[in-house]
Amino acid sequence: MMGDDTGNVTNYNPEIDMHIVPTEDEIAQSNLLRNEAWQNIHHILKEELSENDMNELRAAFYDVSGGYLFKRK
């Protein structure tokens, strides 16, 4: 098992646990799922937020989610 499982993401921050090394395939799949998650968020909020606010939210989403491995349940 990799890191701290929390729903659809796994924390794989190497600063926390040096033994967790995701494979290239796991990283590629995670990046696809991260982008899919962002598209869902964008679709829901695109009419509610200004373009500037959406850009700030996108930056925050990718910054915060960078240390997690996304996976399907």
Protein backbone atom coordinates (compact mmCIF):
# COMPACT_ATOMS: atom_id res chain seq x y z
CA MET A 1 0.00 0.00 0.00
CA MET A 2 1.25 3.47 -0.82
CA GLY A 3 1.16 6.18 1.83
CA ASP A 4 -1.95 7.48 3.51
CA ASP A 5 -5.00 6.41 1.49
CA THR A 6 -7.79 8.96 1.61
CA GLY A 7 -10.61 8.15 -0.80
CA ASN A 8 -9.43 8.60 -4.38
CA VAL A 9 -5.97 9.94 -3.59
CA THR A 10 -2.82 8.63 -1.93
CA ASN A 11 -0.30 10.92 -0.32
CA TYR A 12 3.05 9.91 -1.78
CA ASN A 13 5.14 12.87 -0.68
CA PRO A 14 8.71 11.53 -0.62
CA GLU A 15 9.60 13.93 2.21
CA ILE A 16 7.17 12.02 4.45
CA ASP A 17 8.04 8.45 3.43
CA MET A 18 11.16 7.79 1.41
CA HIS A 19 10.00 4.19 0.68
CA ILE A 20 7.09 5.23 -1.51
CA VAL A 21 8.07 5.45 -5.16
CA PRO A 22 5.17 5.47 -7.63
CA THR A 23 5.75 3.89 -11.01
CA GLU A 24 5.71 5.94 -14.19
CA ASP A 25 2.37 4.32 -15.08
CA GLU A 26 0.88 5.29 -11.69
CA ILE A 27 2.06 8.87 -12.15
CA ALA A 28 0.71 9.04 -15.71
CA GLN A 29 -2.68 7.65 -14.62
CA SER A 30 -2.74 10.03 -11.66
CA ASN A 31 -2.05 13.00 -13.92
CA LEU A 32 -4.92 11.99 -16.21
CA LEU A 33 -7.26 11.67 -13.24
CA ARG A 34 -6.04 14.97 -11.75
CA ASN A 35 -6.80 16.70 -15.06
CA GLU A 36 -10.21 15.00 -15.19
CA ALA A 37 -10.94 16.18 -11.65
CA TRP A 38 -9.97 19.73 -12.60
CA GLN A 39 -12.22 19.62 -15.68
CA ASN A 40 -15.13 18.56 -13.46
CA ILE A 41 -14.44 21.40 -11.01
CA HIS A 42 -14.11 23.87 -13.88
CA HIS A 43 -17.37 22.72 -15.43
CA ILE A 44 -19.24 23.16 -12.15
CA LEU A 45 -17.79 26.59 -11.30
CA LYS A 46 -17.20 28.24 -14.69
CA GLU A 47 -20.40 30.30 -14.45
CA GLU A 48 -19.84 31.20 -10.79
CA LEU A 49 -16.25 32.49 -10.82
CA SER A 50 -14.49 35.19 -12.80
CA GLU A 51 -11.71 34.14 -15.16
CA ASN A 52 -9.14 35.49 -12.70
CA ASP A 53 -10.69 33.60 -9.78
CA MET A 54 -10.83 30.43 -11.88
CA ASN A 55 -7.14 30.80 -12.73
CA GLU A 56 -6.29 31.24 -9.04
CA LEU A 57 -8.39 28.20 -8.13
CA ARG A 58 -6.70 26.14 -10.86
CA ALA A 59 -3.25 27.12 -9.61
CA ALA A 60 -4.22 26.26 -6.03
CA PHE A 61 -5.76 22.93 -7.08
CA TYR A 62 -2.65 21.80 -8.95
CA ASP A 63 -0.32 23.12 -6.24
CA VAL A 64 -2.13 21.33 -3.43
CA SER A 65 -2.82 18.12 -5.35
CA GLY A 66 0.78 17.78 -6.55
CA GLY A 67 1.79 15.55 -3.63
CA TYR A 68 -1.05 13.08 -4.12
CA LEU A 69 -1.49 10.08 -6.35
CA PHE A 70 -5.00 10.11 -7.86
CA LYS A 71 -6.69 6.74 -8.47
CA ARG A 72 -10.07 5.33 -9.37
CA LYS A 73 -12.07 3.57 -6.71
